[in-house]
């Protein structure tokens, strides 16, 4: 139903009103936050089509953009239900937009859900992956192929999260990958196990499995994802991500689609406010066609904080593929590309 976003929001507000009315001493608490990002990207090869091939959000060459402006509003009642609404505007919003959800090309209702006693009902961000939609929470400006080509962005459904003996557990039944309206009569199942490694790290395994094709309940698609983090000392953060995915008959009636990859990250603070983050990644997608080739990339991002609310980044990235999937200035295919990028982020309040 295309009116469901308003219904989800109405349900959240109604639940809070009912709870507040039944508990004379209960008060509804509201909180809000957000950020605005501006960026510029330049491809050294100046591709004839003006596009950075294979990129996720930074697809436009030699262009100033507003990748994302986000407003998040949360509210709840002590020991009662709570709600979460995340609104997105900008280039990123159109690229993560869920199938079946109303909205303009540059607007997205990224999240709209109600939570109570560990259950979350509505639209929420995926549990899968090391990187996230929000740029301030990532080490680099550009996104990895594992984030953009191997996993979903959001889900609509029901999720339960809990903790047992310090181990985080989650299970969800959802419409599918980035589907607000289900495109078939089958649901997908998502789960997560997160284990802390003392006070300095953690490792989690998450996955999703289900039928994702239109009007097709028999061809299954699944991904298993591993994320590990470790901070050996103050100012040094390490992260590792690995994915393996497969879809039955994803290429043709008799050929499955298969993809996998690994990425390693290190973010080192040089001073209290300046640091350098590096990502090295390999991604194999010879069959699925998203890249159409084995490929690897190295990204180096310098980041300078200005107080608690402003962040500036400068980035250089080198991509190379086994096949000629990139483009030069004459429109000829080639096997590599180099991009430079700058980003400014302001968070509030």
C-alpha atoms as a PDB file:
ATOM      1  CA  UNK A   1       0.000   0.000   0.000  1.00  0.00           C
ATOM      2  CA  UNK A   2       1.474   3.350  -1.033  1.00  0.00           C
ATOM      3  CA  UNK A   3      -0.054   5.110   1.967  1.00  0.00           C
ATOM      4  CA  UNK A   4       1.740   2.833   4.399  1.00  0.00           C
ATOM      5  CA  UNK A   5       4.507   5.336   5.381  1.00  0.00           C
ATOM      6  CA  UNK A   6       1.869   7.627   6.877  1.00  0.00           C
ATOM      7  CA  UNK A   7       0.205   4.628   8.512  1.00  0.00           C
ATOM      8  CA  UNK A   8       3.472   3.579  10.115  1.00  0.00           C
ATOM      9  CA  UNK A   9       3.998   7.092  11.423  1.00  0.00           C
ATOM     10  CA  UNK A  10       0.395   7.311  12.624  1.00  0.00           C
ATOM     11  CA  UNK A  11       0.731   3.973  14.370  1.00  0.00           C
ATOM     12  CA  UNK A  12       3.818   5.180  16.200  1.00  0.00           C
ATOM     13  CA  UNK A  13       2.162   8.380  17.353  1.00  0.00           C
ATOM     14  CA  UNK A  14      -1.044   6.564  18.326  1.00  0.00           C
ATOM     15  CA  UNK A  15       0.914   4.026  20.377  1.00  0.00           C
ATOM     16  CA  UNK A  16       2.659   6.808  22.234  1.00  0.00           C
ATOM     17  CA  UNK A  17      -0.576   8.663  22.899  1.00  0.00           C
ATOM     18  CA  UNK A  18      -2.312   5.556  24.229  1.00  0.00           C
ATOM     19  CA  UNK A  19       0.626   4.679  26.462  1.00  0.00           C
ATOM     20  CA  UNK A  20       0.896   8.246  27.722  1.00  0.00           C
ATOM     21  CA  UNK A  21      -2.819   8.357  28.524  1.00  0.00           C
ATOM     22  CA  UNK A  22      -2.679   5.089  30.458  1.00  0.00           C
ATOM     23  CA  UNK A  23       0.372   6.141  32.474  1.00  0.00           C
ATOM     24  CA  UNK A  24      -0.317   9.487  34.084  1.00  0.00           C
ATOM     25  CA  UNK A  25       3.307  10.008  35.047  1.00  0.00           C
ATOM     26  CA  UNK A  26       4.755   8.986  31.664  1.00  0.00           C
ATOM     27  CA  UNK A  27       6.116  11.665  29.362  1.00  0.00           C
ATOM     28  CA  UNK A  28       6.797  11.490  25.649  1.00  0.00           C
ATOM     29  CA  UNK A  29      10.416  12.318  24.925  1.00  0.00           C
ATOM     30  CA  UNK A  30      11.534  13.578  21.522  1.00  0.00           C
ATOM     31  CA  UNK A  31      15.009  13.844  20.070  1.00  0.00           C
ATOM     32  CA  UNK A  32      16.291  14.934  16.682  1.00  0.00           C
ATOM     33  CA  UNK A  33      19.566  15.032  14.786  1.00  0.00           C
ATOM     34  CA  UNK A  34      20.865  15.295  11.261  1.00  0.00           C
ATOM     35  CA  UNK A  35      23.589  16.375   8.896  1.00  0.00           C
ATOM     36  CA  UNK A  36      24.219  18.013   5.520  1.00  0.00           C
ATOM     37  CA  UNK A  37      27.013  16.968   3.158  1.00  0.00           C
ATOM     38  CA  UNK A  38      28.413  18.682   0.068  1.00  0.00           C
ATOM     39  CA  UNK A  39      30.958  17.088  -2.265  1.00  0.00           C
ATOM     40  CA  UNK A  40      32.953  17.350  -5.479  1.00  0.00           C
ATOM     41  CA  UNK A  41      34.391  14.478  -7.525  1.00  0.00           C
ATOM     42  CA  UNK A  42      36.876  14.573 -10.408  1.00  0.00           C
ATOM     43  CA  UNK A  43      37.914  11.638 -12.598  1.00  0.00           C
ATOM     44  CA  UNK A  44      41.494  11.960 -13.875  1.00  0.00           C
ATOM     45  CA  UNK A  45      40.503  10.285 -17.163  1.00  0.00           C
ATOM     46  CA  UNK A  46      37.515  12.625 -17.688  1.00  0.00           C
ATOM     47  CA  UNK A  47      35.258   9.854 -19.095  1.00  0.00           C
ATOM     48  CA  UNK A  48      33.282  10.865 -22.159  1.00  0.00           C
ATOM     49  CA  UNK A  49      29.962   9.961 -20.546  1.00  0.00           C
ATOM     50  CA  UNK A  50      30.701  12.008 -17.423  1.00  0.00           C
ATOM     51  CA  UNK A  51      30.314   9.025 -15.106  1.00  0.00           C
ATOM     52  CA  UNK A  52      32.579   7.260 -12.633  1.00  0.00           C
ATOM     53  CA  UNK A  53      31.896   3.663 -13.645  1.00  0.00           C
ATOM     54  CA  UNK A  54      31.120   1.161 -10.921  1.00  0.00           C
ATOM     55  CA  UNK A  55      30.677   3.754  -8.197  1.00  0.00           C
ATOM     56  CA  UNK A  56      27.790   3.714  -5.752  1.00  0.00           C
ATOM     57  CA  UNK A  57      26.984   7.310  -4.805  1.00  0.00           C
ATOM     58  CA  UNK A  58      29.878   9.330  -6.295  1.00  0.00           C
ATOM     59  CA  UNK A  59      28.870   8.541  -9.856  1.00  0.00           C
ATOM     60  CA  UNK A  60      29.159  12.004 -11.448  1.00  0.00           C
ATOM     61  CA  UNK A  61      32.499  13.301 -12.741  1.00  0.00           C
ATOM     62  CA  UNK A  62      33.538  16.937 -12.388  1.00  0.00           C
ATOM     63  CA  UNK A  63      30.372  17.852 -10.515  1.00  0.00           C
ATOM     64  CA  UNK A  64      29.485  19.604  -7.269  1.00  0.00           C
ATOM     65  CA  UNK A  65      26.743  17.691  -5.488  1.00  0.00           C
ATOM     66  CA  UNK A  66      24.703  17.547  -2.300  1.00  0.00           C
ATOM     67  CA  UNK A  67      24.966  13.806  -1.649  1.00  0.00           C
ATOM     68  CA  UNK A  68      22.732  13.756   1.390  1.00  0.00           C
ATOM     69  CA  UNK A  69      20.857  15.940   3.842  1.00  0.00           C
ATOM     70  CA  UNK A  70      19.327  13.902   6.652  1.00  0.00           C
ATOM     71  CA  UNK A  71      16.876  14.587   9.458  1.00  0.00           C
ATOM     72  CA  UNK A  72      16.223  11.906  12.080  1.00  0.00           C
ATOM     73  CA  UNK A  73      13.457  12.164  14.685  1.00  0.00           C
ATOM     74  CA  UNK A  74      13.004   9.682  17.516  1.00  0.00           C
ATOM     75  CA  UNK A  75      10.511   9.602  20.349  1.00  0.00           C
ATOM     76  CA  UNK A  76       9.225   7.337  23.043  1.00  0.00           C
ATOM     77  CA  UNK A  77       7.775   6.750  26.466  1.00  0.00           C
ATOM     78  CA  UNK A  78       9.746   5.290  29.372  1.00  0.00           C
ATOM     79  CA  UNK A  79       9.176   1.517  29.412  1.00  0.00           C
ATOM     80  CA  UNK A  80       6.826   1.966  26.451  1.00  0.00           C
ATOM     81  CA  UNK A  81       6.936   2.047  22.662  1.00  0.00           C
ATOM     82  CA  UNK A  82       9.171   4.342  20.647  1.00  0.00           C
ATOM     83  CA  UNK A  83       9.354   5.485  17.033  1.00  0.00           C
ATOM     84  CA  UNK A  84      12.095   6.382  14.582  1.00  0.00           C
ATOM     85  CA  UNK A  85      11.781   8.433  11.395  1.00  0.00           C
ATOM     86  CA  UNK A  86      14.724   9.184   9.067  1.00  0.00           C
ATOM     87  CA  UNK A  87      14.193  11.549   6.117  1.00  0.00           C
ATOM     88  CA  UNK A  88      16.766  11.846   3.319  1.00  0.00           C
ATOM     89  CA  UNK A  89      17.210  14.426   0.569  1.00  0.00           C
ATOM     90  CA  UNK A  90      19.892  14.551  -2.132  1.00  0.00           C
ATOM     91  CA  UNK A  91      21.552  12.378  -4.756  1.00  0.00           C
ATOM     92  CA  UNK A  92      21.925   9.450  -2.351  1.00  0.00           C
ATOM     93  CA  UNK A  93      18.213   9.478  -1.497  1.00  0.00           C
ATOM     94  CA  UNK A  94      17.224   8.598  -5.052  1.00  0.00           C
ATOM     95  CA  UNK A  95      19.745   5.755  -5.246  1.00  0.00           C
ATOM     96  CA  UNK A  96      18.581   4.005  -2.060  1.00  0.00           C
ATOM     97  CA  UNK A  97      14.858   4.547  -2.726  1.00  0.00           C
ATOM     98  CA  UNK A  98      12.789   1.421  -2.069  1.00  0.00           C
ATOM     99  CA  UNK A  99      10.605  -0.104  -4.783  1.00  0.00           C
ATOM    100  CA  UNK A 100       6.932   0.753  -4.242  1.00  0.00           C
ATOM    101  CA  UNK A 101       7.535   3.773  -2.008  1.00  0.00           C
ATOM    102  CA  UNK A 102       6.219   7.151  -3.123  1.00  0.00           C
ATOM    103  CA  UNK A 103       8.689  10.018  -3.254  1.00  0.00           C
ATOM    104  CA  UNK A 104      10.575  12.252  -5.606  1.00  0.00           C
ATOM    105  CA  UNK A 105      13.852  11.493  -7.317  1.00  0.00           C
ATOM    106  CA  UNK A 106      15.849  13.192  -4.554  1.00  0.00           C
ATOM    107  CA  UNK A 107      13.702  12.330  -1.508  1.00  0.00           C
ATOM    108  CA  UNK A 108      13.501   9.123   0.497  1.00  0.00           C
ATOM    109  CA  UNK A 109      11.799   7.970   3.664  1.00  0.00           C
ATOM    110  CA  UNK A 110      14.778   5.881   4.690  1.00  0.00           C
ATOM    111  CA  UNK A 111      13.274   4.668   7.959  1.00  0.00           C
ATOM    112  CA  UNK A 112       9.853   4.790   9.630  1.00  0.00           C
ATOM    113  CA  UNK A 113       9.285   2.280  12.389  1.00  0.00           C
ATOM    114  CA  UNK A 114       7.877   1.550  15.825  1.00  0.00           C
ATOM    115  CA  UNK A 115       9.831  -0.384  18.476  1.00  0.00           C
ATOM    116  CA  UNK A 116       8.671  -2.070  21.669  1.00  0.00           C
ATOM    117  CA  UNK A 117      10.279  -4.711  23.891  1.00  0.00           C
ATOM    118  CA  UNK A 118      12.906  -5.621  21.282  1.00  0.00           C
ATOM    119  CA  UNK A 119      10.523  -5.709  18.313  1.00  0.00           C
ATOM    120  CA  UNK A 120      10.786  -3.200  15.463  1.00  0.00           C
ATOM    121  CA  UNK A 121       7.970  -2.931  12.920  1.00  0.00           C
ATOM    122  CA  UNK A 122       8.128  -0.812   9.770  1.00  0.00           C
ATOM    123  CA  UNK A 123      10.962   0.298   7.504  1.00  0.00           C
ATOM    124  CA  UNK A 124      14.534   0.101   8.800  1.00  0.00           C
ATOM    125  CA  UNK A 125      18.167   0.024   7.646  1.00  0.00           C
ATOM    126  CA  UNK A 126      19.726  -3.342   6.904  1.00  0.00           C
ATOM    127  CA  UNK A 127      21.806  -5.202   9.476  1.00  0.00           C
ATOM    128  CA  UNK A 128      24.185  -6.308   6.741  1.00  0.00           C
ATOM    129  CA  UNK A 129      27.496  -4.677   5.857  1.00  0.00           C
ATOM    130  CA  UNK A 130      30.380  -2.707   7.368  1.00  0.00           C
ATOM    131  CA  UNK A 131      29.513   0.660   5.822  1.00  0.00           C
ATOM    132  CA  UNK A 132      26.261   2.602   6.148  1.00  0.00           C
ATOM    133  CA  UNK A 133      24.208   5.106   4.171  1.00  0.00           C
ATOM    134  CA  UNK A 134      25.227   8.033   6.371  1.00  0.00           C
ATOM    135  CA  UNK A 135      28.621   9.390   5.295  1.00  0.00           C
ATOM    136  CA  UNK A 136      29.718  10.759   8.721  1.00  0.00           C
ATOM    137  CA  UNK A 137      29.659   7.209  10.136  1.00  0.00           C
ATOM    138  CA  UNK A 138      32.032   5.818   7.472  1.00  0.00           C
ATOM    139  CA  UNK A 139      35.811   5.991   7.308  1.00  0.00           C
ATOM    140  CA  UNK A 140      35.888   7.034   3.627  1.00  0.00           C
ATOM    141  CA  UNK A 141      33.860   9.316   1.385  1.00  0.00           C
ATOM    142  CA  UNK A 142      33.296   6.876  -1.500  1.00  0.00           C
ATOM    143  CA  UNK A 143      31.527   3.608  -0.725  1.00  0.00           C
ATOM    144  CA  UNK A 144      32.897   0.127  -1.213  1.00  0.00           C
ATOM    145  CA  UNK A 145      31.537  -2.261  -3.851  1.00  0.00           C
ATOM    146  CA  UNK A 146      30.605  -4.580  -0.984  1.00  0.00           C
ATOM    147  CA  UNK A 147      28.285  -1.874   0.340  1.00  0.00           C
ATOM    148  CA  UNK A 148      26.748  -0.868  -2.979  1.00  0.00           C
ATOM    149  CA  UNK A 149      26.703  -4.027  -5.096  1.00  0.00           C
ATOM    150  CA  UNK A 150      26.648  -6.988  -2.694  1.00  0.00           C
ATOM    151  CA  UNK A 151      23.990  -6.169  -0.085  1.00  0.00           C
ATOM    152  CA  UNK A 152      20.641  -4.357   0.365  1.00  0.00           C
ATOM    153  CA  UNK A 153      20.172  -0.860   1.838  1.00  0.00           C
ATOM    154  CA  UNK A 154      16.848  -1.097   3.710  1.00  0.00           C
ATOM    155  CA  UNK A 155      13.983  -3.459   4.516  1.00  0.00           C
ATOM    156  CA  UNK A 156      10.317  -3.256   5.418  1.00  0.00           C
ATOM    157  CA  UNK A 157       9.049  -5.848   7.870  1.00  0.00           C
ATOM    158  CA  UNK A 158       9.313  -7.067  11.463  1.00  0.00           C
ATOM    159  CA  UNK A 159      12.585  -7.468  13.392  1.00  0.00           C
ATOM    160  CA  UNK A 160      13.410  -8.715  16.879  1.00  0.00           C
ATOM    161  CA  UNK A 161      16.691  -7.863  18.632  1.00  0.00           C
ATOM    162  CA  UNK A 162      17.955  -9.087  21.994  1.00  0.00           C
ATOM    163  CA  UNK A 163      21.119  -9.882  23.931  1.00  0.00           C
ATOM    164  CA  UNK A 164      22.027 -13.178  25.582  1.00  0.00           C
ATOM    165  CA  UNK A 165      25.164 -13.389  27.698  1.00  0.00           C
ATOM    166  CA  UNK A 166      26.577 -10.289  26.014  1.00  0.00           C
ATOM    167  CA  UNK A 167      25.986 -11.698  22.512  1.00  0.00           C
ATOM    168  CA  UNK A 168      23.670  -9.676  20.283  1.00  0.00           C
ATOM    169  CA  UNK A 169      21.018 -11.599  18.369  1.00  0.00           C
ATOM    170  CA  UNK A 170      18.588 -10.412  15.710  1.00  0.00           C
ATOM    171  CA  UNK A 171      16.013 -12.042  13.442  1.00  0.00           C
ATOM    172  CA  UNK A 172      13.706 -10.442  10.885  1.00  0.00           C
ATOM    173  CA  UNK A 173      11.073 -11.279   8.304  1.00  0.00           C
ATOM    174  CA  UNK A 174      10.973  -8.673   5.541  1.00  0.00           C
ATOM    175  CA  UNK A 175       9.527  -7.961   2.110  1.00  0.00           C
ATOM    176  CA  UNK A 176      12.974  -8.298   0.570  1.00  0.00           C
ATOM    177  CA  UNK A 177      15.874  -6.201  -0.710  1.00  0.00           C
ATOM    178  CA  UNK A 178      14.923  -2.511  -0.843  1.00  0.00           C
ATOM    179  CA  UNK A 179      11.256  -3.405  -1.368  1.00  0.00           C
ATOM    180  CA  UNK A 180       8.597  -1.314   0.330  1.00  0.00           C
ATOM    181  CA  UNK A 181       5.893  -3.226  -1.537  1.00  0.00           C
ATOM    182  CA  UNK A 182       6.647  -6.931  -1.834  1.00  0.00           C
ATOM    183  CA  UNK A 183       7.204  -7.971  -5.451  1.00  0.00           C
ATOM    184  CA  UNK A 184       6.104 -11.585  -4.902  1.00  0.00           C
ATOM    185  CA  UNK A 185       4.201 -13.760  -2.421  1.00  0.00           C
ATOM    186  CA  UNK A 186       7.327 -14.824  -0.515  1.00  0.00           C
ATOM    187  CA  UNK A 187       9.149 -13.145   2.376  1.00  0.00           C
ATOM    188  CA  UNK A 188      12.892 -12.949   3.043  1.00  0.00           C
ATOM    189  CA  UNK A 189      14.546 -13.850   6.338  1.00  0.00           C
ATOM    190  CA  UNK A 190      17.417 -11.912   7.884  1.00  0.00           C
ATOM    191  CA  UNK A 191      19.487 -12.699  10.969  1.00  0.00           C
ATOM    192  CA  UNK A 192      22.525 -11.535  12.904  1.00  0.00           C
ATOM    193  CA  UNK A 193      24.866 -12.767  15.630  1.00  0.00           C
ATOM    194  CA  UNK A 194      27.228 -10.153  17.126  1.00  0.00           C
ATOM    195  CA  UNK A 195      29.975 -11.149  19.563  1.00  0.00           C
ATOM    196  CA  UNK A 196      32.060  -8.591  21.488  1.00  0.00           C
ATOM    197  CA  UNK A 197      35.825  -9.096  21.652  1.00  0.00           C
ATOM    198  CA  UNK A 198      36.474  -7.505  25.007  1.00  0.00           C
ATOM    199  CA  UNK A 199      36.373  -3.716  25.074  1.00  0.00           C
ATOM    200  CA  UNK A 200      38.383  -3.215  21.889  1.00  0.00           C
ATOM    201  CA  UNK A 201      36.522  -5.062  19.175  1.00  0.00           C
ATOM    202  CA  UNK A 202      33.673  -7.185  17.922  1.00  0.00           C
ATOM    203  CA  UNK A 203      32.781  -9.668  15.209  1.00  0.00           C
ATOM    204  CA  UNK A 204      29.355 -10.180  13.678  1.00  0.00           C
ATOM    205  CA  UNK A 205      27.834 -12.502  11.122  1.00  0.00           C
ATOM    206  CA  UNK A 206      24.631 -11.553   9.344  1.00  0.00           C
ATOM    207  CA  UNK A 207      22.732 -12.751   6.321  1.00  0.00           C
ATOM    208  CA  UNK A 208      19.535 -12.660   4.333  1.00  0.00           C
ATOM    209  CA  UNK A 209      17.774 -15.342   2.266  1.00  0.00           C
ATOM    210  CA  UNK A 210      14.612 -15.339   0.181  1.00  0.00           C
ATOM    211  CA  UNK A 211      13.015 -14.969  -3.239  1.00  0.00           C
ATOM    212  CA  UNK A 212      13.626 -11.506  -4.696  1.00  0.00           C
ATOM    213  CA  UNK A 213      12.405 -11.638  -8.310  1.00  0.00           C
ATOM    214  CA  UNK A 214       9.085 -10.191  -9.460  1.00  0.00           C
ATOM    215  CA  UNK A 215       6.254 -12.741  -9.229  1.00  0.00           C
ATOM    216  CA  UNK A 216       8.754 -15.538  -8.592  1.00  0.00           C
ATOM    217  CA  UNK A 217       8.829 -17.513  -5.338  1.00  0.00           C
ATOM    218  CA  UNK A 218      11.183 -20.298  -6.420  1.00  0.00           C
ATOM    219  CA  UNK A 219      14.503 -18.607  -7.330  1.00  0.00           C
ATOM    220  CA  UNK A 220      16.222 -17.859  -4.031  1.00  0.00           C
ATOM    221  CA  UNK A 221      18.773 -15.127  -3.337  1.00  0.00           C
ATOM    222  CA  UNK A 222      21.036 -14.963  -0.308  1.00  0.00           C
ATOM    223  CA  UNK A 223      24.051 -13.179   1.162  1.00  0.00           C
ATOM    224  CA  UNK A 224      26.269 -13.992   4.132  1.00  0.00           C
ATOM    225  CA  UNK A 225      28.237 -11.085   5.570  1.00  0.00           C
ATOM    226  CA  UNK A 226      31.035 -10.914   8.166  1.00  0.00           C
ATOM    227  CA  UNK A 227      32.199  -7.709   9.876  1.00  0.00           C
ATOM    228  CA  UNK A 228      35.050  -7.493  12.392  1.00  0.00           C
ATOM    229  CA  UNK A 229      36.292  -4.381  14.180  1.00  0.00           C
ATOM    230  CA  UNK A 230      39.285  -3.862  16.452  1.00  0.00           C
ATOM    231  CA  UNK A 231      40.910  -0.822  18.072  1.00  0.00           C
ATOM    232  CA  UNK A 232      44.391  -1.869  19.245  1.00  0.00           C
ATOM    233  CA  UNK A 233      45.153   1.573  20.710  1.00  0.00           C
ATOM    234  CA  UNK A 234      43.736   5.070  20.988  1.00  0.00           C
ATOM    235  CA  UNK A 235      43.472   6.648  17.562  1.00  0.00           C
ATOM    236  CA  UNK A 236      43.767   3.395  15.576  1.00  0.00           C
ATOM    237  CA  UNK A 237      40.653   1.642  14.239  1.00  0.00           C
ATOM    238  CA  UNK A 238      40.728  -1.512  12.117  1.00  0.00           C
ATOM    239  CA  UNK A 239      37.819  -3.105  10.265  1.00  0.00           C
ATOM    240  CA  UNK A 240      37.347  -6.142   8.026  1.00  0.00           C
ATOM    241  CA  UNK A 241      34.363  -7.037   5.839  1.00  0.00           C
ATOM    242  CA  UNK A 242      33.636 -10.119   3.710  1.00  0.00           C
ATOM    243  CA  UNK A 243      30.562 -11.032   1.646  1.00  0.00           C
ATOM    244  CA  UNK A 244      29.385 -14.007  -0.368  1.00  0.00           C
ATOM    245  CA  UNK A 245      26.139 -13.951  -2.345  1.00  0.00           C
ATOM    246  CA  UNK A 246      24.253 -16.107  -4.803  1.00  0.00           C
ATOM    247  CA  UNK A 247      20.944 -15.967  -6.693  1.00  0.00           C
ATOM    248  CA  UNK A 248      19.407 -18.959  -8.436  1.00  0.00           C
ATOM    249  CA  UNK A 249      18.983 -18.382 -12.171  1.00  0.00           C
ATOM    250  CA  UNK A 250      20.233 -14.852 -11.659  1.00  0.00           C
ATOM    251  CA  UNK A 251      21.907 -14.630 -15.049  1.00  0.00           C
ATOM    252  CA  UNK A 252      19.584 -16.781 -17.122  1.00  0.00           C
ATOM    253  CA  UNK A 253      17.160 -19.655 -16.726  1.00  0.00           C
ATOM    254  CA  UNK A 254      20.070 -22.061 -16.274  1.00  0.00           C
ATOM    255  CA  UNK A 255      22.835 -19.909 -14.794  1.00  0.00           C
ATOM    256  CA  UNK A 256      23.124 -18.687 -11.211  1.00  0.00           C
ATOM    257  CA  UNK A 257      24.519 -15.284 -10.254  1.00  0.00           C
ATOM    258  CA  UNK A 258      27.357 -15.326  -7.762  1.00  0.00           C
ATOM    259  CA  UNK A 259      29.438 -12.578  -6.146  1.00  0.00           C
ATOM    260  CA  UNK A 260      31.943 -12.245  -3.309  1.00  0.00           C
ATOM    261  CA  UNK A 261      34.492  -9.856  -1.930  1.00  0.00           C
ATOM    262  CA  UNK A 262      36.663  -8.706   0.948  1.00  0.00           C
ATOM    263  CA  UNK A 263      37.662  -5.281   2.268  1.00  0.00           C
ATOM    264  CA  UNK A 264      40.130  -4.157   4.931  1.00  0.00           C
ATOM    265  CA  UNK A 265      40.190  -0.722   6.594  1.00  0.00           C
ATOM    266  CA  UNK A 266      42.499   1.244   8.857  1.00  0.00           C
ATOM    267  CA  UNK A 267      41.812   4.704  10.270  1.00  0.00           C
ATOM    268  CA  UNK A 268      44.751   6.352  12.029  1.00  0.00           C
ATOM    269  CA  UNK A 269      44.532   9.677  13.860  1.00  0.00           C
ATOM    270  CA  UNK A 270      47.691  11.746  13.317  1.00  0.00           C
ATOM    271  CA  UNK A 271      46.590  14.554  15.628  1.00  0.00           C
ATOM    272  CA  UNK A 272      43.539  15.054  17.823  1.00  0.00           C
ATOM    273  CA  UNK A 273      41.572  16.334  14.828  1.00  0.00           C
ATOM    274  CA  UNK A 274      43.314  15.025  11.677  1.00  0.00           C
ATOM    275  CA  UNK A 275      43.525  11.445  10.491  1.00  0.00           C
ATOM    276  CA  UNK A 276      43.979   9.217   7.423  1.00  0.00           C
ATOM    277  CA  UNK A 277      41.678   6.325   6.550  1.00  0.00           C
ATOM    278  CA  UNK A 278      42.659   3.659   4.012  1.00  0.00           C
ATOM    279  CA  UNK A 279      40.524   0.941   2.424  1.00  0.00           C
ATOM    280  CA  UNK A 280      41.703  -1.929   0.228  1.00  0.00           C
ATOM    281  CA  UNK A 281      39.046  -4.069  -1.466  1.00  0.00           C
ATOM    282  CA  UNK A 282      38.623  -6.954  -3.876  1.00  0.00           C
ATOM    283  CA  UNK A 283      35.257  -7.749  -5.476  1.00  0.00           C
ATOM    284  CA  UNK A 284      34.371 -10.596  -7.839  1.00  0.00           C
ATOM    285  CA  UNK A 285      31.224 -10.165  -9.895  1.00  0.00           C
ATOM    286  CA  UNK A 286      32.023 -11.746 -13.242  1.00  0.00           C
ATOM    287  CA  UNK A 287      28.569 -13.297 -13.614  1.00  0.00           C
ATOM    288  CA  UNK A 288      26.098 -10.902 -11.988  1.00  0.00           C
ATOM    289  CA  UNK A 289      26.910  -7.962 -14.245  1.00  0.00           C
ATOM    290  CA  UNK A 290      26.932  -5.143 -11.694  1.00  0.00           C
ATOM    291  CA  UNK A 291      30.612  -4.695 -12.497  1.00  0.00           C
ATOM    292  CA  UNK A 292      30.969  -7.593 -14.916  1.00  0.00           C
ATOM    293  CA  UNK A 293      34.530  -8.288 -13.796  1.00  0.00           C
ATOM    294  CA  UNK A 294      36.875  -9.076 -10.966  1.00  0.00           C
ATOM    295  CA  UNK A 295      38.056  -5.742  -9.603  1.00  0.00           C
ATOM    296  CA  UNK A 296      40.089  -4.206  -6.802  1.00  0.00           C
ATOM    297  CA  UNK A 297      40.433  -0.715  -5.387  1.00  0.00           C
ATOM    298  CA  UNK A 298      42.486   1.299  -2.901  1.00  0.00           C
ATOM    299  CA  UNK A 299      41.101   4.443  -1.290  1.00  0.00           C
ATOM    300  CA  UNK A 300      42.991   6.942   0.894  1.00  0.00           C
ATOM    301  CA  UNK A 301      40.984   9.603   2.718  1.00  0.00           C
ATOM    302  CA  UNK A 302      42.356  12.431   4.807  1.00  0.00           C
ATOM    303  CA  UNK A 303      39.840  13.842   7.284  1.00  0.00           C
ATOM    304  CA  UNK A 304      39.982  17.003   9.373  1.00  0.00           C
ATOM    305  CA  UNK A 305      37.477  17.700  12.148  1.00  0.00           C
ATOM    306  CA  UNK A 306      36.507  21.252  13.082  1.00  0.00           C
ATOM    307  CA  UNK A 307      35.017  21.013  16.545  1.00  0.00           C
ATOM    308  CA  UNK A 308      32.268  18.490  17.147  1.00  0.00           C
ATOM    309  CA  UNK A 309      30.037  19.366  14.196  1.00  0.00           C
ATOM    310  CA  UNK A 310      32.142  19.893  11.068  1.00  0.00           C
ATOM    311  CA  UNK A 311      34.273  17.474   9.059  1.00  0.00           C
ATOM    312  CA  UNK A 312      36.280  17.962   5.850  1.00  0.00           C
ATOM    313  CA  UNK A 313      37.613  15.115   3.695  1.00  0.00           C
ATOM    314  CA  UNK A 314      39.988  14.848   0.744  1.00  0.00           C
ATOM    315  CA  UNK A 315      40.168  11.499  -1.031  1.00  0.00           C
ATOM    316  CA  UNK A 316      42.034   9.719  -3.809  1.00  0.00           C
ATOM    317  CA  UNK A 317      40.822   6.361  -5.145  1.00  0.00           C
ATOM    318  CA  UNK A 318      42.256   3.931  -7.671  1.00  0.00           C
ATOM    319  CA  UNK A 319      40.074   1.241  -9.295  1.00  0.00           C
ATOM    320  CA  UNK A 320      41.337  -1.569 -11.530  1.00  0.00           C
ATOM    321  CA  UNK A 321      39.399  -4.417 -13.143  1.00  0.00           C
ATOM    322  CA  UNK A 322      40.265  -7.577 -15.028  1.00  0.00           C
ATOM    323  CA  UNK A 323      38.074  -6.375 -17.902  1.00  0.00           C
ATOM    324  CA  UNK A 324      37.747  -2.977 -19.589  1.00  0.00           C
ATOM    325  CA  UNK A 325      34.758  -1.687 -17.596  1.00  0.00           C
ATOM    326  CA  UNK A 326      35.874   1.957 -17.217  1.00  0.00           C
ATOM    327  CA  UNK A 327      35.972   4.766 -19.820  1.00  0.00           C
ATOM    328  CA  UNK A 328      38.482   7.353 -20.976  1.00  0.00           C
ATOM    329  CA  UNK A 329      37.921  10.809 -22.421  1.00  0.00           C
ATOM    330  CA  UNK A 330      37.489   9.490 -25.957  1.00  0.00           C
ATOM    331  CA  UNK A 331      34.805   7.020 -24.962  1.00  0.00           C
ATOM    332  CA  UNK A 332      37.148   4.032 -25.178  1.00  0.00           C
ATOM    333  CA  UNK A 333      36.952   1.238 -22.617  1.00  0.00           C
ATOM    334  CA  UNK A 334      39.882   0.777 -20.233  1.00  0.00           C
ATOM    335  CA  UNK A 335      40.676  -1.305 -17.156  1.00  0.00           C
ATOM    336  CA  UNK A 336      41.289   1.390 -14.526  1.00  0.00           C
ATOM    337  CA  UNK A 337      40.323   4.823 -13.250  1.00  0.00           C
ATOM    338  CA  UNK A 338      41.536   7.365 -10.679  1.00  0.00           C
ATOM    339  CA  UNK A 339      39.248   9.808  -8.907  1.00  0.00           C
ATOM    340  CA  UNK A 340      39.815  12.733  -6.571  1.00  0.00           C
ATOM    341  CA  UNK A 341      37.093  13.942  -4.234  1.00  0.00           C
ATOM    342  CA  UNK A 342      36.390  16.463  -1.508  1.00  0.00           C
ATOM    343  CA  UNK A 343      33.562  16.433   1.025  1.00  0.00           C
ATOM    344  CA  UNK A 344      32.274  18.799   3.713  1.00  0.00           C
ATOM    345  CA  UNK A 345      29.888  17.555   6.416  1.00  0.00           C
ATOM    346  CA  UNK A 346      28.033  19.536   9.063  1.00  0.00           C
ATOM    347  CA  UNK A 347      26.122  17.658  11.765  1.00  0.00           C
ATOM    348  CA  UNK A 348      23.458  19.063  14.085  1.00  0.00           C
ATOM    349  CA  UNK A 349      22.285  19.890  16.677  1.00  0.00           C
END
